[in-house]
Structures are given as structure tokens and as C-alpha cells.
Amino acid sequence: MDKTIKIGEKIRGLRESRKLTIEEVAERSSLSVEQVKAIEESDTLPSLAPLMRIARVLGVRLGTFLDDNQELGPVVCRSNEREESISFSNNDPKRSKHMEYFSLSKSKANRQMDPFIIDIFPSDNSDIVCSSHEGEEFIYVIEGQLEVNYGKETFTLNPGDSIYYDSIVAHHVHGADNQSAKILAVVYSPM
């Protein structure tokens, strides 16, 4: 099943169960009505920032949109069992797919963090569009060279390097010099 459709359906279902209109979600999340409609109708691959805002309005974790099962005990994710991924546009309207996320905890109930292995695809970073959202992020570079724009600073990270930052500061993560990269990212967003 297409993950973007699944996310839109989950958002619509959660919104309707809370008896909220699209207009109310848009207003409370500081998104436009068109953005919320597009996400629900799956006309676009959303970036993390709007999804996190919608999750907060709906009173759920970001991972709720990705969950299929709810496991109360520990969740083991074997490398050969990672099957589904989800792609986000990372706020770049010109690109439909900048990163591919593999959830490492999608069946863990009541989690406070969302860990991912993320494949970052080559891209022309001449028109970087930064995003911001509540929470924190931790990134560890597995392969390739990563560039992180954070506020007015730019950090270049190599395999084995990591960065931990407050997500409320405008940021953008991409492969350095138009290259691919693979990272471990842990995202925390308060509800």
C-alpha cells in the first residue's frame, strides 16, 4: 500500500474522531487549509514539519501516522526485515523524494522517540528550504558525507560523526556535494 495514502487516511480518521474540521486543524497547526487538504488527500508527500504540527494538534506522536501494530514490550527490528519505507519531500516543492525513511520502531506503542535509518538521495542543494518544528533530533552518519544547515551555521559530517540539535531552529539535512548518504536519525517531538 502507498504510504502517503495511508498517512493521509490516518490523519483524516484521527481528525474526524476528534470532531475537528480541516479549517480548525489548519488554524491550530499554522498550516494553510490547502496544505492540510493536500496531505489528507495524498496530493503531496509532506515534509516532517507539517506532519509534526498536525500530530501535535491531534494529540498524537509523529510515529502514530506510521504505525501499523502496537507492541507494548520491546520491539526488535532486524536488518533483513526492514521492508517498507516512507519518503518525505523535506519541504522542497521541486522534489517529490529527497529522503527515504525506514522506521526502526513502527510497532512500538507509546514511544517518545522515532528512530529511522534514512537514505538521502543526491540533489542539487542550490535552493535549500529549511524547516523547523518542536522537538529534538539526533543524527549519526553511517555512509557518505552529510551537510546540515542549522540556523546560520553549516556543519559537514563524515561517517561516525553525529549531531544533536533543537528542531525549532530552521534546519535542512542533505548529502554534501550532491552525494548520497545514509544516516541513523532519532526524532523526538513533544505531544
N, C-alpha and C. Protein backbone atom coordinates (compact mmCIF):
# COMPACT_ATOMS: atom_id res chain seq x y z
N MET A 1 0.84 -1.19 0.00
CA MET A 1 0.00 0.00 0.00
C MET A 1 0.88 1.24 0.00
N ASP A 2 0.47 2.25 -0.73
CA ASP A 2 1.20 3.51 -0.79
C ASP A 2 1.16 4.19 0.57
N LYS A 3 2.33 4.45 1.15
CA LYS A 3 2.41 5.03 2.49
C LYS A 3 1.82 6.43 2.55
N THR A 4 1.89 7.21 1.47
CA THR A 4 1.34 8.55 1.53
C THR A 4 -0.17 8.49 1.68
N ILE A 5 -0.81 7.54 1.01
CA ILE A 5 -2.25 7.37 1.14
C ILE A 5 -2.57 6.95 2.56
N LYS A 6 -1.82 6.04 3.09
CA LYS A 6 -2.05 5.55 4.44
C LYS A 6 -1.93 6.69 5.46
N ILE A 7 -0.94 7.53 5.33
CA ILE A 7 -0.77 8.66 6.24
C ILE A 7 -1.95 9.61 6.13
N GLY A 8 -2.35 9.95 4.93
CA GLY A 8 -3.50 10.84 4.74
C GLY A 8 -4.76 10.27 5.35
N GLU A 9 -4.98 8.98 5.16
CA GLU A 9 -6.15 8.33 5.74
C GLU A 9 -6.11 8.36 7.26
N LYS A 10 -4.94 8.11 7.84
CA LYS A 10 -4.82 8.14 9.29
C LYS A 10 -5.08 9.53 9.84
N ILE A 11 -4.53 10.53 9.19
CA ILE A 11 -4.75 11.90 9.64
C ILE A 11 -6.23 12.26 9.57
N ARG A 12 -6.86 11.92 8.45
CA ARG A 12 -8.29 12.22 8.30
C ARG A 12 -9.10 11.49 9.38
N GLY A 13 -8.79 10.22 9.61
CA GLY A 13 -9.50 9.45 10.62
C GLY A 13 -9.33 10.01 12.02
N LEU A 14 -8.10 10.39 12.36
CA LEU A 14 -7.85 10.99 13.68
C LEU A 14 -8.55 12.34 13.82
N ARG A 15 -8.49 13.14 12.76
CA ARG A 15 -9.14 14.45 12.79
C ARG A 15 -10.64 14.30 12.99
N GLU A 16 -11.24 13.40 12.21
CA GLU A 16 -12.69 13.19 12.32
C GLU A 16 -13.08 12.61 13.67
N SER A 17 -12.26 11.71 14.23
CA SER A 17 -12.59 11.13 15.54
C SER A 17 -12.54 12.18 16.64
N ARG A 18 -11.78 13.25 16.42
CA ARG A 18 -11.69 14.34 17.39
C ARG A 18 -12.66 15.47 17.05
N LYS A 19 -13.49 15.21 16.03
CA LYS A 19 -14.52 16.16 15.59
C LYS A 19 -13.92 17.54 15.26
N LEU A 20 -12.79 17.52 14.56
CA LEU A 20 -12.14 18.74 14.11
C LEU A 20 -12.34 18.90 12.61
N THR A 21 -12.54 20.12 12.17
CA THR A 21 -12.62 20.40 10.74
C THR A 21 -11.21 20.60 10.19
N ILE A 22 -11.10 20.53 8.89
CA ILE A 22 -9.82 20.81 8.25
C ILE A 22 -9.37 22.23 8.59
N GLU A 23 -10.31 23.15 8.61
CA GLU A 23 -10.01 24.54 8.92
C GLU A 23 -9.44 24.68 10.34
N GLU A 24 -10.01 23.94 11.29
CA GLU A 24 -9.52 24.01 12.67
C GLU A 24 -8.10 23.44 12.78
N VAL A 25 -7.85 22.33 12.10
CA VAL A 25 -6.50 21.75 12.12
C VAL A 25 -5.51 22.71 11.48
N ALA A 26 -5.91 23.31 10.37
CA ALA A 26 -5.04 24.27 9.68
C ALA A 26 -4.72 25.45 10.61
N GLU A 27 -5.72 26.01 11.23
CA GLU A 27 -5.50 27.16 12.11
C GLU A 27 -4.61 26.80 13.29
N ARG A 28 -4.87 25.68 13.93
CA ARG A 28 -4.11 25.29 15.12
C ARG A 28 -2.68 24.86 14.80
N SER A 29 -2.46 24.41 13.58
CA SER A 29 -1.12 23.96 13.19
C SER A 29 -0.34 25.02 12.43
N SER A 30 -0.96 26.17 12.18
CA SER A 30 -0.35 27.25 11.40
C SER A 30 -0.02 26.81 9.98
N LEU A 31 -0.84 25.91 9.45
CA LEU A 31 -0.74 25.48 8.06
C LEU A 31 -1.92 26.05 7.30
N SER A 32 -1.83 26.07 5.99
CA SER A 32 -2.97 26.53 5.21
C SER A 32 -3.98 25.39 5.08
N VAL A 33 -5.22 25.75 4.83
CA VAL A 33 -6.26 24.74 4.60
C VAL A 33 -5.86 23.86 3.41
N GLU A 34 -5.26 24.47 2.39
CA GLU A 34 -4.84 23.72 1.20
C GLU A 34 -3.78 22.68 1.55
N GLN A 35 -2.83 23.05 2.44
CA GLN A 35 -1.79 22.09 2.85
C GLN A 35 -2.40 20.89 3.56
N VAL A 36 -3.30 21.15 4.49
CA VAL A 36 -3.92 20.05 5.24
C VAL A 36 -4.73 19.17 4.29
N LYS A 37 -5.50 19.78 3.39
CA LYS A 37 -6.28 19.01 2.42
C LYS A 37 -5.37 18.16 1.55
N ALA A 38 -4.26 18.75 1.07
CA ALA A 38 -3.34 18.02 0.20
C ALA A 38 -2.74 16.82 0.94
N ILE A 39 -2.41 17.00 2.21
CA ILE A 39 -1.84 15.89 2.99
C ILE A 39 -2.89 14.80 3.17
N GLU A 40 -4.10 15.18 3.53
CA GLU A 40 -5.17 14.18 3.72
C GLU A 40 -5.53 13.48 2.41
N GLU A 41 -5.50 14.21 1.33
CA GLU A 41 -5.88 13.63 0.03
C GLU A 41 -4.69 13.02 -0.69
N SER A 42 -3.50 13.09 -0.07
CA SER A 42 -2.29 12.48 -0.60
C SER A 42 -1.86 13.07 -1.94
N ASP A 43 -2.13 14.35 -2.15
CA ASP A 43 -1.68 15.00 -3.36
C ASP A 43 -0.22 15.41 -3.29
N THR A 44 0.37 15.26 -2.12
CA THR A 44 1.75 15.67 -1.92
C THR A 44 2.42 14.76 -0.91
N LEU A 45 3.72 14.64 -1.01
CA LEU A 45 4.49 13.96 0.03
C LEU A 45 4.91 15.02 1.02
N PRO A 46 4.34 15.01 2.22
CA PRO A 46 4.63 16.09 3.16
C PRO A 46 6.02 15.99 3.75
N SER A 47 6.51 17.13 4.21
CA SER A 47 7.77 17.12 4.96
C SER A 47 7.43 16.80 6.41
N LEU A 48 8.45 16.57 7.21
CA LEU A 48 8.22 16.24 8.61
C LEU A 48 7.58 17.38 9.39
N ALA A 49 7.97 18.61 9.11
CA ALA A 49 7.48 19.74 9.91
C ALA A 49 5.95 19.83 9.94
N PRO A 50 5.26 19.80 8.78
CA PRO A 50 3.80 19.87 8.85
C PRO A 50 3.19 18.65 9.53
N LEU A 51 3.79 17.48 9.31
CA LEU A 51 3.27 16.28 9.97
C LEU A 51 3.38 16.40 11.49
N MET A 52 4.50 16.96 11.96
CA MET A 52 4.68 17.12 13.40
C MET A 52 3.68 18.13 13.96
N ARG A 53 3.40 19.18 13.21
CA ARG A 53 2.42 20.16 13.66
C ARG A 53 1.03 19.55 13.75
N ILE A 54 0.67 18.76 12.74
CA ILE A 54 -0.64 18.10 12.74
C ILE A 54 -0.72 17.09 13.88
N ALA A 55 0.36 16.35 14.10
CA ALA A 55 0.37 15.37 15.19
C ALA A 55 0.12 16.07 16.52
N ARG A 56 0.74 17.20 16.71
CA ARG A 56 0.57 17.94 17.97
C ARG A 56 -0.88 18.40 18.13
N VAL A 57 -1.48 18.92 17.06
CA VAL A 57 -2.88 19.35 17.12
C VAL A 57 -3.79 18.17 17.45
N LEU A 58 -3.49 17.01 16.88
CA LEU A 58 -4.34 15.84 17.10
C LEU A 58 -4.01 15.12 18.41
N GLY A 59 -2.93 15.55 19.08
CA GLY A 59 -2.57 14.97 20.37
C GLY A 59 -1.97 13.58 20.26
N VAL A 60 -1.21 13.34 19.16
CA VAL A 60 -0.57 12.04 18.94
C VAL A 60 0.90 12.23 18.62
N ARG A 61 1.67 11.16 18.72
CA ARG A 61 3.07 11.19 18.32
C ARG A 61 3.15 11.19 16.80
N LEU A 62 4.25 11.70 16.28
CA LEU A 62 4.50 11.64 14.84
C LEU A 62 4.42 10.20 14.36
N GLY A 63 4.98 9.27 15.13
CA GLY A 63 5.00 7.86 14.74
C GLY A 63 3.63 7.24 14.58
N THR A 64 2.60 7.85 15.16
CA THR A 64 1.24 7.33 15.02
C THR A 64 0.84 7.24 13.55
N PHE A 65 1.32 8.17 12.75
CA PHE A 65 0.98 8.16 11.33
C PHE A 65 1.66 7.01 10.58
N LEU A 66 2.73 6.45 11.17
CA LEU A 66 3.49 5.39 10.51
C LEU A 66 3.19 4.01 11.09
N ASP A 67 2.54 3.96 12.25
CA ASP A 67 2.33 2.70 12.95
C ASP A 67 1.33 1.80 12.26
N ASP A 68 1.61 0.52 12.29
CA ASP A 68 0.67 -0.49 11.84
C ASP A 68 0.20 -1.34 13.02
N ASN A 69 1.12 -1.69 13.90
CA ASN A 69 0.83 -2.54 15.05
C ASN A 69 1.24 -1.82 16.32
N GLN A 70 0.70 -2.26 17.43
CA GLN A 70 1.03 -1.66 18.71
C GLN A 70 1.59 -2.73 19.63
N GLU A 71 2.89 -2.72 19.85
CA GLU A 71 3.57 -3.67 20.73
C GLU A 71 3.93 -2.95 22.02
N LEU A 72 3.50 -3.53 23.16
CA LEU A 72 3.78 -2.90 24.44
C LEU A 72 5.18 -3.22 24.95
N GLY A 73 5.71 -4.38 24.62
CA GLY A 73 7.05 -4.77 25.06
C GLY A 73 8.10 -4.24 24.12
N PRO A 74 9.32 -4.75 24.23
CA PRO A 74 10.38 -4.29 23.33
C PRO A 74 10.09 -4.68 21.88
N VAL A 75 10.61 -3.88 21.00
CA VAL A 75 10.45 -4.14 19.56
C VAL A 75 11.84 -4.35 18.98
N VAL A 76 12.03 -5.47 18.33
CA VAL A 76 13.30 -5.77 17.66
C VAL A 76 13.08 -5.57 16.17
N CYS A 77 13.96 -4.84 15.55
CA CYS A 77 13.89 -4.61 14.11
C CYS A 77 15.14 -5.20 13.48
N ARG A 78 15.01 -6.31 12.80
CA ARG A 78 16.14 -6.97 12.15
C ARG A 78 16.43 -6.31 10.81
N SER A 79 17.69 -6.21 10.48
CA SER A 79 18.08 -5.50 9.25
C SER A 79 17.46 -6.14 8.01
N ASN A 80 17.30 -7.44 8.00
CA ASN A 80 16.72 -8.11 6.82
C ASN A 80 15.20 -8.08 6.82
N GLU A 81 14.59 -7.50 7.87
CA GLU A 81 13.13 -7.44 7.94
C GLU A 81 12.60 -6.04 7.65
N ARG A 82 13.47 -5.08 7.43
CA ARG A 82 13.02 -3.73 7.09
C ARG A 82 12.48 -3.76 5.68
N GLU A 83 11.17 -3.63 5.55
CA GLU A 83 10.59 -3.77 4.22
C GLU A 83 10.01 -2.49 3.66
N GLU A 84 9.27 -1.76 4.46
CA GLU A 84 8.59 -0.59 3.95
C GLU A 84 9.35 0.68 4.31
N SER A 85 9.30 1.62 3.43
CA SER A 85 9.89 2.92 3.72
C SER A 85 8.84 3.98 3.43
N ILE A 86 9.14 5.16 3.90
CA ILE A 86 8.28 6.30 3.59
C ILE A 86 9.19 7.44 3.15
N SER A 87 8.74 8.19 2.17
CA SER A 87 9.54 9.29 1.66
C SER A 87 8.88 10.62 1.98
N PHE A 88 9.71 11.59 2.32
CA PHE A 88 9.24 12.93 2.59
C PHE A 88 9.94 13.87 1.63
N SER A 89 9.29 14.99 1.35
CA SER A 89 9.87 15.95 0.42
C SER A 89 10.87 16.88 1.07
N ASN A 90 10.95 16.87 2.40
CA ASN A 90 11.86 17.73 3.16
C ASN A 90 11.66 19.20 2.79
N ASN A 91 10.38 19.57 2.62
CA ASN A 91 9.97 20.96 2.35
C ASN A 91 10.43 21.49 0.99
N ASP A 92 10.89 20.67 0.11
CA ASP A 92 11.33 21.13 -1.20
C ASP A 92 10.22 20.85 -2.20
N PRO A 93 9.49 21.88 -2.65
CA PRO A 93 8.36 21.65 -3.55
C PRO A 93 8.77 21.14 -4.92
N LYS A 94 10.04 21.30 -5.29
CA LYS A 94 10.50 20.86 -6.61
C LYS A 94 10.87 19.38 -6.63
N ARG A 95 11.02 18.80 -5.48
CA ARG A 95 11.47 17.43 -5.39
C ARG A 95 10.40 16.60 -4.70
N SER A 96 10.03 15.47 -5.28
CA SER A 96 9.00 14.67 -4.65
C SER A 96 9.61 13.68 -3.68
N LYS A 97 10.91 13.47 -3.75
CA LYS A 97 11.51 12.44 -2.91
C LYS A 97 12.97 12.79 -2.65
N HIS A 98 13.27 13.26 -1.46
CA HIS A 98 14.62 13.66 -1.10
C HIS A 98 15.25 12.65 -0.16
N MET A 99 14.42 12.05 0.69
CA MET A 99 14.89 11.10 1.68
C MET A 99 13.93 9.93 1.77
N GLU A 100 14.47 8.77 2.05
CA GLU A 100 13.64 7.58 2.25
C GLU A 100 13.86 7.10 3.68
N TYR A 101 12.80 7.07 4.47
CA TYR A 101 12.87 6.75 5.89
C TYR A 101 12.45 5.30 6.13
N PHE A 102 13.26 4.56 6.90
CA PHE A 102 12.92 3.21 7.33
C PHE A 102 12.76 3.26 8.84
N SER A 103 11.52 3.09 9.31
CA SER A 103 11.26 3.16 10.74
C SER A 103 11.87 1.96 11.46
N LEU A 104 12.48 2.22 12.59
CA LEU A 104 13.07 1.15 13.40
C LEU A 104 12.19 0.82 14.61
N SER A 105 11.02 1.45 14.68
CA SER A 105 10.18 1.23 15.86
C SER A 105 8.70 1.35 15.57
N LYS A 106 8.29 1.15 14.34
CA LYS A 106 6.91 1.48 13.99
C LYS A 106 5.86 0.69 14.74
N SER A 107 6.21 -0.43 15.33
CA SER A 107 5.20 -1.18 16.06
C SER A 107 5.27 -0.98 17.57
N LYS A 108 6.13 -0.10 18.04
CA LYS A 108 6.26 0.16 19.48
C LYS A 108 5.19 1.16 19.93
N ALA A 109 4.35 0.73 20.85
CA ALA A 109 3.29 1.59 21.36
C ALA A 109 3.86 2.61 22.35
N ASN A 110 3.24 3.76 22.41
CA ASN A 110 3.53 4.80 23.40
C ASN A 110 4.99 5.25 23.43
N ARG A 111 5.66 5.21 22.30
CA ARG A 111 7.06 5.64 22.30
C ARG A 111 7.16 7.16 22.29
N GLN A 112 8.26 7.65 22.78
CA GLN A 112 8.51 9.09 22.83
C GLN A 112 9.49 9.53 21.75
N MET A 113 10.19 8.57 21.14
CA MET A 113 11.17 8.87 20.10
C MET A 113 10.82 8.06 18.85
N ASP A 114 11.26 8.56 17.71
CA ASP A 114 11.08 7.84 16.45
C ASP A 114 12.44 7.68 15.78
N PRO A 115 13.03 6.47 15.88
CA PRO A 115 14.32 6.24 15.22
C PRO A 115 14.13 5.75 13.78
N PHE A 116 14.97 6.24 12.88
CA PHE A 116 14.91 5.89 11.47
C PHE A 116 16.31 5.65 10.92
N ILE A 117 16.40 4.76 9.94
CA ILE A 117 17.54 4.72 9.03
C ILE A 117 17.05 5.51 7.82
N ILE A 118 17.82 6.49 7.39
CA ILE A 118 17.38 7.35 6.29
C ILE A 118 18.40 7.32 5.16
N ASP A 119 17.91 6.98 3.98
CA ASP A 119 18.72 7.08 2.77
C ASP A 119 18.47 8.46 2.17
N ILE A 120 19.54 9.21 1.99
CA ILE A 120 19.44 10.55 1.43
C ILE A 120 19.93 10.49 0.00
N PHE A 121 19.11 10.96 -0.91
CA PHE A 121 19.42 10.89 -2.32
C PHE A 121 20.15 12.14 -2.80
N PRO A 122 20.98 12.01 -3.84
CA PRO A 122 21.67 13.18 -4.39
C PRO A 122 20.66 14.23 -4.81
N SER A 123 21.02 15.47 -4.61
CA SER A 123 20.14 16.55 -5.01
C SER A 123 20.96 17.82 -5.22
N ASP A 124 20.42 18.67 -6.05
CA ASP A 124 21.03 19.98 -6.24
C ASP A 124 20.54 20.85 -5.09
N ASN A 125 21.43 21.20 -4.20
CA ASN A 125 21.05 21.93 -3.00
C ASN A 125 21.11 23.44 -3.16
N SER A 126 20.95 23.92 -4.38
CA SER A 126 21.05 25.36 -4.61
C SER A 126 19.86 26.12 -4.03
N ASP A 127 18.71 25.48 -3.93
CA ASP A 127 17.51 26.14 -3.39
C ASP A 127 17.04 25.41 -2.14
N ILE A 128 17.83 25.46 -1.09
CA ILE A 128 17.50 24.76 0.15
C ILE A 128 16.34 25.46 0.84
N VAL A 129 15.36 24.67 1.25
CA VAL A 129 14.21 25.18 2.00
C VAL A 129 14.27 24.55 3.39
N CYS A 130 14.62 25.35 4.39
CA CYS A 130 14.74 24.84 5.75
C CYS A 130 13.37 24.66 6.39
N SER A 131 13.31 23.79 7.39
CA SER A 131 12.08 23.58 8.13
C SER A 131 12.39 23.65 9.62
N SER A 132 11.35 23.85 10.40
CA SER A 132 11.50 23.82 11.85
C SER A 132 10.24 23.25 12.46
N HIS A 133 10.40 22.65 13.63
CA HIS A 133 9.28 22.06 14.35
C HIS A 133 9.72 21.86 15.79
N GLU A 134 8.79 21.66 16.67
CA GLU A 134 9.14 21.43 18.06
C GLU A 134 9.85 20.09 18.20
N GLY A 135 10.74 20.00 19.16
CA GLY A 135 11.39 18.74 19.45
C GLY A 135 12.89 18.79 19.29
N GLU A 136 13.46 17.62 19.22
CA GLU A 136 14.91 17.45 19.09
C GLU A 136 15.20 16.36 18.07
N GLU A 137 16.40 16.41 17.49
CA GLU A 137 16.84 15.38 16.55
C GLU A 137 18.28 15.00 16.84
N PHE A 138 18.56 13.73 16.68
CA PHE A 138 19.91 13.21 16.77
C PHE A 138 20.20 12.50 15.45
N ILE A 139 21.34 12.81 14.85
CA ILE A 139 21.72 12.19 13.58
C ILE A 139 23.13 11.62 13.71
N TYR A 140 23.30 10.38 13.25
CA TYR A 140 24.59 9.71 13.21
C TYR A 140 24.83 9.29 11.76
N VAL A 141 25.95 9.68 11.18
CA VAL A 141 26.24 9.38 9.78
C VAL A 141 26.81 7.97 9.65
N ILE A 142 26.17 7.15 8.84
CA ILE A 142 26.61 5.77 8.59
C ILE A 142 27.48 5.71 7.34
N GLU A 143 26.99 6.32 6.26
CA GLU A 143 27.71 6.31 4.98
C GLU A 143 27.62 7.69 4.34
N GLY A 144 28.62 8.04 3.56
CA GLY A 144 28.62 9.29 2.81
C GLY A 144 28.96 10.48 3.68
N GLN A 145 28.85 11.63 3.07
CA GLN A 145 29.13 12.87 3.77
C GLN A 145 27.83 13.68 3.83
N LEU A 146 27.53 14.20 5.00
CA LEU A 146 26.27 14.89 5.24
C LEU A 146 26.53 16.37 5.47
N GLU A 147 25.60 17.18 5.00
CA GLU A 147 25.66 18.61 5.30
C GLU A 147 24.37 18.97 6.04
N VAL A 148 24.52 19.67 7.14
CA VAL A 148 23.38 20.10 7.95
C VAL A 148 23.42 21.61 8.04
N ASN A 149 22.40 22.25 7.48
CA ASN A 149 22.23 23.68 7.66
C ASN A 149 21.38 23.84 8.91
N TYR A 150 21.91 24.59 9.87
CA TYR A 150 21.23 24.77 11.16
C TYR A 150 21.32 26.25 11.53
N GLY A 151 20.19 26.93 11.44
CA GLY A 151 20.22 28.38 11.65
C GLY A 151 21.12 29.01 10.61
N LYS A 152 22.10 29.76 11.07
CA LYS A 152 23.03 30.41 10.15
C LYS A 152 24.32 29.62 9.98
N GLU A 153 24.40 28.44 10.59
CA GLU A 153 25.61 27.63 10.52
C GLU A 153 25.42 26.45 9.57
N THR A 154 26.53 25.95 9.06
CA THR A 154 26.53 24.75 8.24
C THR A 154 27.58 23.80 8.79
N PHE A 155 27.16 22.55 9.00
CA PHE A 155 28.05 21.53 9.54
C PHE A 155 28.21 20.43 8.50
N THR A 156 29.44 20.00 8.27
CA THR A 156 29.72 18.86 7.40
C THR A 156 30.11 17.69 8.28
N LEU A 157 29.42 16.57 8.10
CA LEU A 157 29.63 15.39 8.92
C LEU A 157 30.06 14.22 8.05
N ASN A 158 31.00 13.43 8.57
CA ASN A 158 31.51 12.25 7.89
C ASN A 158 31.04 10.99 8.62
N PRO A 159 31.23 9.80 8.03
CA PRO A 159 30.83 8.58 8.73
C PRO A 159 31.41 8.53 10.14
N GLY A 160 30.55 8.21 11.10
CA GLY A 160 30.96 8.16 12.50
C GLY A 160 30.69 9.45 13.25
N ASP A 161 30.45 10.56 12.52
CA ASP A 161 30.13 11.84 13.16
C ASP A 161 28.64 11.86 13.50
N SER A 162 28.30 12.71 14.47
CA SER A 162 26.90 12.87 14.85
C SER A 162 26.61 14.32 15.19
N ILE A 163 25.33 14.65 15.22
CA ILE A 163 24.87 15.97 15.61
C ILE A 163 23.56 15.80 16.36
N TYR A 164 23.36 16.61 17.39
CA TYR A 164 22.14 16.61 18.19
C TYR A 164 21.69 18.06 18.25
N TYR A 165 20.44 18.35 17.86
CA TYR A 165 20.01 19.74 17.84
C TYR A 165 18.54 19.89 18.19
N ASP A 166 18.19 21.13 18.55
CA ASP A 166 16.80 21.50 18.78
C ASP A 166 16.16 21.76 17.43
N SER A 167 15.07 21.08 17.16
CA SER A 167 14.43 21.15 15.84
C SER A 167 13.68 22.45 15.60
N ILE A 168 13.49 23.25 16.64
CA ILE A 168 12.77 24.51 16.49
C ILE A 168 13.58 25.51 15.67
N VAL A 169 14.90 25.31 15.62
CA VAL A 169 15.76 26.16 14.79
C VAL A 169 15.66 25.65 13.35
N ALA A 170 15.49 26.56 12.41
CA ALA A 170 15.36 26.17 11.00
C ALA A 170 16.57 25.34 10.57
N HIS A 171 16.29 24.19 9.93
CA HIS A 171 17.37 23.29 9.56
C HIS A 171 17.05 22.55 8.26
N HIS A 172 18.11 22.01 7.65
CA HIS A 172 17.97 21.21 6.43
C HIS A 172 19.10 20.20 6.42
N VAL A 173 18.78 18.97 6.11
CA VAL A 173 19.75 17.88 6.07
C VAL A 173 19.82 17.35 4.65
N HIS A 174 21.03 17.23 4.11
CA HIS A 174 21.19 16.73 2.74
C HIS A 174 22.61 16.18 2.56
N GLY A 175 22.81 15.41 1.52
CA GLY A 175 24.13 14.90 1.20
C GLY A 175 25.02 16.05 0.76
N ALA A 176 26.26 16.05 1.22
CA ALA A 176 27.21 17.10 0.83
C ALA A 176 27.61 16.90 -0.63
N ASP A 177 27.86 17.98 -1.31
CA ASP A 177 28.34 17.95 -2.70
C ASP A 177 27.49 17.08 -3.62
N ASN A 178 26.17 17.17 -3.46
CA ASN A 178 25.25 16.44 -4.34
C ASN A 178 25.49 14.93 -4.31
N GLN A 179 25.80 14.39 -3.14
CA GLN A 179 26.08 12.95 -2.99
C GLN A 179 25.00 12.29 -2.14
N SER A 180 24.96 10.97 -2.20
CA SER A 180 24.07 10.17 -1.35
C SER A 180 24.68 10.01 0.03
N ALA A 181 23.84 9.70 1.00
CA ALA A 181 24.31 9.42 2.35
C ALA A 181 23.30 8.51 3.03
N LYS A 182 23.73 7.87 4.10
CA LYS A 182 22.85 7.04 4.91
C LYS A 182 23.09 7.45 6.35
N ILE A 183 21.99 7.69 7.08
CA ILE A 183 22.12 8.15 8.47
C ILE A 183 21.16 7.38 9.38
N LEU A 184 21.49 7.39 10.66
CA LEU A 184 20.58 6.97 11.72
C LEU A 184 20.07 8.27 12.30
N ALA A 185 18.76 8.45 12.36
CA ALA A 185 18.18 9.66 12.94
C ALA A 185 17.16 9.28 13.99
N VAL A 186 17.20 9.98 15.10
CA VAL A 186 16.21 9.79 16.15
C VAL A 186 15.51 11.14 16.34
N VAL A 187 14.20 11.13 16.18
CA VAL A 187 13.41 12.35 16.25
C VAL A 187 12.53 12.28 17.50
N TYR A 188 12.58 13.32 18.30
CA TYR A 188 11.68 13.44 19.45
C TYR A 188 10.80 14.66 19.23
N SER A 189 9.50 14.46 19.35
CA SER A 189 8.60 15.60 19.26
C SER A 189 7.61 15.51 20.39
N PRO A 190 7.52 16.56 21.20
CA PRO A 190 6.58 16.54 22.32
C PRO A 190 5.14 16.54 21.81
N MET A 191 4.26 15.92 22.56
CA MET A 191 2.85 15.91 22.18
C MET A 191 2.15 17.10 22.75
